[in-house]
């Protein structure tokens, strides 16, 4: 059975872990949603830039032969949240799991941890391989330190 693969607005990279084993029949979901655009105050030009980059990346994926479902901010049926976007797609089509690369943002990562229960299906949250070190490696390094400076970590 195919997988539903979510790509976040800050994960616009073809070698992202959530796409590494993409196969025919899988669907890539990208969504411009209110909760992600408004959880903190952003400059309007920043939001326009992110949405533009997302739309261009979605088109690039389509041109490479991948099936992409894209929800624009102004779409009438935009559910307003990433979980809502996933639920909307799952109502229309069957998948055996949801695959996503871990969010680098604590708020969203915490939300993602509850998605499997909310969706009543497996949600595979993959490590973000775009970093030099894993989160676990950083946590081991940070344990017991009084100051966390990336400069010292990368030395």
C-alpha atoms as a PDB file:
ATOM      1  CA  UNK A   1       0.000   0.000   0.000  1.00  0.00           C
ATOM      2  CA  UNK A   2       1.308   3.513  -0.702  1.00  0.00           C
ATOM      3  CA  UNK A   3       2.595   6.054   1.815  1.00  0.00           C
ATOM      4  CA  UNK A   4       1.555   9.641   2.380  1.00  0.00           C
ATOM      5  CA  UNK A   5       4.693  11.786   2.665  1.00  0.00           C
ATOM      6  CA  UNK A   6       4.521  15.233   4.232  1.00  0.00           C
ATOM      7  CA  UNK A   7       7.084  17.893   3.306  1.00  0.00           C
ATOM      8  CA  UNK A   8       7.295  20.959   5.531  1.00  0.00           C
ATOM      9  CA  UNK A   9       8.015  24.479   4.314  1.00  0.00           C
ATOM     10  CA  UNK A  10      11.568  24.372   5.662  1.00  0.00           C
ATOM     11  CA  UNK A  11      12.326  20.944   4.182  1.00  0.00           C
ATOM     12  CA  UNK A  12      12.494  21.820   0.487  1.00  0.00           C
ATOM     13  CA  UNK A  13      15.285  19.446  -0.455  1.00  0.00           C
ATOM     14  CA  UNK A  14      15.077  16.376  -2.685  1.00  0.00           C
ATOM     15  CA  UNK A  15      17.414  14.274  -0.497  1.00  0.00           C
ATOM     16  CA  UNK A  16      15.189  14.827   2.596  1.00  0.00           C
ATOM     17  CA  UNK A  17      14.772  11.604   4.608  1.00  0.00           C
ATOM     18  CA  UNK A  18      10.990  11.433   4.134  1.00  0.00           C
ATOM     19  CA  UNK A  19      11.495  11.035   0.365  1.00  0.00           C
ATOM     20  CA  UNK A  20      14.492   8.694   0.330  1.00  0.00           C
ATOM     21  CA  UNK A  21      12.461   5.535  -0.352  1.00  0.00           C
ATOM     22  CA  UNK A  22       9.644   7.145  -2.341  1.00  0.00           C
ATOM     23  CA  UNK A  23       7.966   4.697  -4.704  1.00  0.00           C
ATOM     24  CA  UNK A  24       5.340   4.868  -7.403  1.00  0.00           C
ATOM     25  CA  UNK A  25       1.909   5.269  -5.812  1.00  0.00           C
ATOM     26  CA  UNK A  26       3.118   7.359  -2.885  1.00  0.00           C
ATOM     27  CA  UNK A  27       1.688  10.840  -2.509  1.00  0.00           C
ATOM     28  CA  UNK A  28       3.624  13.887  -1.352  1.00  0.00           C
ATOM     29  CA  UNK A  29       1.584  16.386   0.650  1.00  0.00           C
ATOM     30  CA  UNK A  30       2.578  20.021   0.986  1.00  0.00           C
ATOM     31  CA  UNK A  31       0.318  22.567   2.651  1.00  0.00           C
ATOM     32  CA  UNK A  32       0.311  26.284   3.334  1.00  0.00           C
ATOM     33  CA  UNK A  33      -1.617  26.302   6.612  1.00  0.00           C
ATOM     34  CA  UNK A  34      -2.712  29.031   8.960  1.00  0.00           C
ATOM     35  CA  UNK A  35      -1.298  27.443  12.135  1.00  0.00           C
ATOM     36  CA  UNK A  36       2.218  27.409  10.685  1.00  0.00           C
ATOM     37  CA  UNK A  37       2.009  30.901   9.192  1.00  0.00           C
ATOM     38  CA  UNK A  38       0.607  32.608  12.285  1.00  0.00           C
ATOM     39  CA  UNK A  39       1.907  30.830  15.427  1.00  0.00           C
ATOM     40  CA  UNK A  40       4.330  33.758  15.817  1.00  0.00           C
ATOM     41  CA  UNK A  41       4.285  37.091  14.061  1.00  0.00           C
ATOM     42  CA  UNK A  42       6.233  36.882  10.785  1.00  0.00           C
ATOM     43  CA  UNK A  43       6.958  39.577   8.248  1.00  0.00           C
ATOM     44  CA  UNK A  44       4.469  39.225   5.378  1.00  0.00           C
ATOM     45  CA  UNK A  45       7.292  39.070   2.832  1.00  0.00           C
ATOM     46  CA  UNK A  46       8.815  36.118   4.690  1.00  0.00           C
ATOM     47  CA  UNK A  47       5.545  34.191   4.449  1.00  0.00           C
ATOM     48  CA  UNK A  48       5.232  35.042   0.742  1.00  0.00           C
ATOM     49  CA  UNK A  49       8.818  33.887   0.184  1.00  0.00           C
ATOM     50  CA  UNK A  50       8.250  30.560   1.994  1.00  0.00           C
ATOM     51  CA  UNK A  51       4.998  29.865   0.132  1.00  0.00           C
ATOM     52  CA  UNK A  52       6.641  30.738  -3.181  1.00  0.00           C
ATOM     53  CA  UNK A  53       9.567  28.415  -2.455  1.00  0.00           C
ATOM     54  CA  UNK A  54       7.129  25.648  -1.490  1.00  0.00           C
ATOM     55  CA  UNK A  55       5.157  26.058  -4.720  1.00  0.00           C
ATOM     56  CA  UNK A  56       8.322  25.984  -6.834  1.00  0.00           C
ATOM     57  CA  UNK A  57       9.575  22.876  -5.017  1.00  0.00           C
ATOM     58  CA  UNK A  58       6.219  21.135  -5.481  1.00  0.00           C
ATOM     59  CA  UNK A  59       6.437  21.843  -9.213  1.00  0.00           C
ATOM     60  CA  UNK A  60      10.013  20.533  -9.306  1.00  0.00           C
ATOM     61  CA  UNK A  61       8.841  17.313  -7.642  1.00  0.00           C
ATOM     62  CA  UNK A  62       5.998  16.967 -10.154  1.00  0.00           C
ATOM     63  CA  UNK A  63       8.410  17.482 -13.046  1.00  0.00           C
ATOM     64  CA  UNK A  64      10.557  14.657 -11.656  1.00  0.00           C
ATOM     65  CA  UNK A  65       7.551  12.318 -11.842  1.00  0.00           C
ATOM     66  CA  UNK A  66       6.274  12.445  -8.276  1.00  0.00           C
ATOM     67  CA  UNK A  67       2.607  12.781  -7.330  1.00  0.00           C
ATOM     68  CA  UNK A  68       2.133  15.936  -5.227  1.00  0.00           C
ATOM     69  CA  UNK A  69      -1.002  17.166  -3.481  1.00  0.00           C
ATOM     70  CA  UNK A  70      -0.559  20.861  -2.724  1.00  0.00           C
ATOM     71  CA  UNK A  71      -2.893  22.916  -0.547  1.00  0.00           C
ATOM     72  CA  UNK A  72      -2.628  26.676  -1.035  1.00  0.00           C
ATOM     73  CA  UNK A  73      -3.337  29.101   1.794  1.00  0.00           C
ATOM     74  CA  UNK A  74      -6.266  30.534  -0.139  1.00  0.00           C
ATOM     75  CA  UNK A  75      -7.848  27.175  -1.030  1.00  0.00           C
ATOM     76  CA  UNK A  76     -11.471  27.117   0.030  1.00  0.00           C
ATOM     77  CA  UNK A  77     -11.078  23.734   1.731  1.00  0.00           C
ATOM     78  CA  UNK A  78      -7.766  24.531   3.452  1.00  0.00           C
ATOM     79  CA  UNK A  79      -8.103  22.883   6.879  1.00  0.00           C
ATOM     80  CA  UNK A  80      -5.772  25.389   8.555  1.00  0.00           C
ATOM     81  CA  UNK A  81      -3.380  22.872  10.168  1.00  0.00           C
ATOM     82  CA  UNK A  82      -0.957  20.191   9.043  1.00  0.00           C
ATOM     83  CA  UNK A  83      -2.850  17.491  10.931  1.00  0.00           C
ATOM     84  CA  UNK A  84      -6.075  18.674   9.295  1.00  0.00           C
ATOM     85  CA  UNK A  85      -4.404  18.557   5.867  1.00  0.00           C
ATOM     86  CA  UNK A  86      -3.274  14.978   6.488  1.00  0.00           C
ATOM     87  CA  UNK A  87      -6.752  13.970   7.693  1.00  0.00           C
ATOM     88  CA  UNK A  88      -8.304  15.559   4.617  1.00  0.00           C
ATOM     89  CA  UNK A  89      -6.066  13.529   2.277  1.00  0.00           C
ATOM     90  CA  UNK A  90      -6.632  10.324   4.262  1.00  0.00           C
ATOM     91  CA  UNK A  91     -10.396  10.735   3.865  1.00  0.00           C
ATOM     92  CA  UNK A  92      -9.994  10.771   0.087  1.00  0.00           C
ATOM     93  CA  UNK A  93      -7.398   8.024  -0.342  1.00  0.00           C
ATOM     94  CA  UNK A  94      -5.967   4.993   1.480  1.00  0.00           C
ATOM     95  CA  UNK A  95      -2.378   4.889   2.729  1.00  0.00           C
ATOM     96  CA  UNK A  96      -0.617   2.459   5.031  1.00  0.00           C
ATOM     97  CA  UNK A  97       1.391   5.136   6.848  1.00  0.00           C
ATOM     98  CA  UNK A  98       2.371   8.786   6.998  1.00  0.00           C
ATOM     99  CA  UNK A  99       6.064   9.571   6.569  1.00  0.00           C
ATOM    100  CA  UNK A 100       7.585  12.873   7.654  1.00  0.00           C
ATOM    101  CA  UNK A 101      11.030  14.218   8.450  1.00  0.00           C
ATOM    102  CA  UNK A 102      11.294  15.424  12.045  1.00  0.00           C
ATOM    103  CA  UNK A 103      10.657  19.096  12.564  1.00  0.00           C
ATOM    104  CA  UNK A 104      13.510  21.167  13.907  1.00  0.00           C
ATOM    105  CA  UNK A 105      10.967  23.184  15.842  1.00  0.00           C
ATOM    106  CA  UNK A 106       9.980  21.910  19.297  1.00  0.00           C
ATOM    107  CA  UNK A 107       6.336  23.048  19.054  1.00  0.00           C
ATOM    108  CA  UNK A 108       5.701  21.176  15.814  1.00  0.00           C
ATOM    109  CA  UNK A 109       7.793  18.163  16.844  1.00  0.00           C
ATOM    110  CA  UNK A 110       5.600  17.828  19.942  1.00  0.00           C
ATOM    111  CA  UNK A 111       2.462  17.979  17.787  1.00  0.00           C
ATOM    112  CA  UNK A 112       3.846  15.338  15.425  1.00  0.00           C
ATOM    113  CA  UNK A 113       4.433  12.955  18.338  1.00  0.00           C
ATOM    114  CA  UNK A 114       0.643  12.750  18.813  1.00  0.00           C
ATOM    115  CA  UNK A 115      -0.308  12.319  15.170  1.00  0.00           C
ATOM    116  CA  UNK A 116      -0.294   8.501  15.146  1.00  0.00           C
ATOM    117  CA  UNK A 117      -2.900   8.414  17.918  1.00  0.00           C
ATOM    118  CA  UNK A 118      -4.984  11.157  16.300  1.00  0.00           C
ATOM    119  CA  UNK A 119      -4.874   9.521  12.862  1.00  0.00           C
ATOM    120  CA  UNK A 120      -5.144   5.933  14.153  1.00  0.00           C
ATOM    121  CA  UNK A 121      -2.375   4.857  11.784  1.00  0.00           C
ATOM    122  CA  UNK A 122       1.424   4.639  11.816  1.00  0.00           C
ATOM    123  CA  UNK A 123       3.298   7.925  11.497  1.00  0.00           C
ATOM    124  CA  UNK A 124       6.978   7.444  10.761  1.00  0.00           C
ATOM    125  CA  UNK A 125       8.961  10.466  11.932  1.00  0.00           C
ATOM    126  CA  UNK A 126      12.408  10.213  10.384  1.00  0.00           C
ATOM    127  CA  UNK A 127      15.602  11.900  11.513  1.00  0.00           C
ATOM    128  CA  UNK A 128      16.520  15.063   9.664  1.00  0.00           C
ATOM    129  CA  UNK A 129      19.744  14.039   7.960  1.00  0.00           C
ATOM    130  CA  UNK A 130      20.549  17.577   6.813  1.00  0.00           C
ATOM    131  CA  UNK A 131      22.405  18.294  10.068  1.00  0.00           C
ATOM    132  CA  UNK A 132      26.024  17.436  10.853  1.00  0.00           C
ATOM    133  CA  UNK A 133      25.008  15.649  14.043  1.00  0.00           C
ATOM    134  CA  UNK A 134      21.935  13.890  15.344  1.00  0.00           C
ATOM    135  CA  UNK A 135      19.813  15.327  18.114  1.00  0.00           C
ATOM    136  CA  UNK A 136      21.041  12.519  20.387  1.00  0.00           C
ATOM    137  CA  UNK A 137      24.676  13.431  19.714  1.00  0.00           C
ATOM    138  CA  UNK A 138      23.952  17.050  20.593  1.00  0.00           C
ATOM    139  CA  UNK A 139      22.064  16.063  23.759  1.00  0.00           C
ATOM    140  CA  UNK A 140      25.017  13.917  24.902  1.00  0.00           C
ATOM    141  CA  UNK A 141      27.387  16.820  24.290  1.00  0.00           C
ATOM    142  CA  UNK A 142      25.077  19.308  26.049  1.00  0.00           C
ATOM    143  CA  UNK A 143      24.549  17.154  29.156  1.00  0.00           C
ATOM    144  CA  UNK A 144      25.964  18.977  32.176  1.00  0.00           C
ATOM    145  CA  UNK A 145      27.102  22.112  30.332  1.00  0.00           C
ATOM    146  CA  UNK A 146      26.212  25.497  31.749  1.00  0.00           C
ATOM    147  CA  UNK A 147      26.255  27.245  28.383  1.00  0.00           C
ATOM    148  CA  UNK A 148      25.123  25.822  25.071  1.00  0.00           C
ATOM    149  CA  UNK A 149      27.040  27.501  22.278  1.00  0.00           C
ATOM    150  CA  UNK A 150      26.960  25.982  18.838  1.00  0.00           C
ATOM    151  CA  UNK A 151      30.462  27.304  18.227  1.00  0.00           C
ATOM    152  CA  UNK A 152      31.842  25.000  20.952  1.00  0.00           C
ATOM    153  CA  UNK A 153      29.750  22.064  19.791  1.00  0.00           C
ATOM    154  CA  UNK A 154      31.004  22.227  16.224  1.00  0.00           C
ATOM    155  CA  UNK A 155      34.626  22.583  17.326  1.00  0.00           C
END
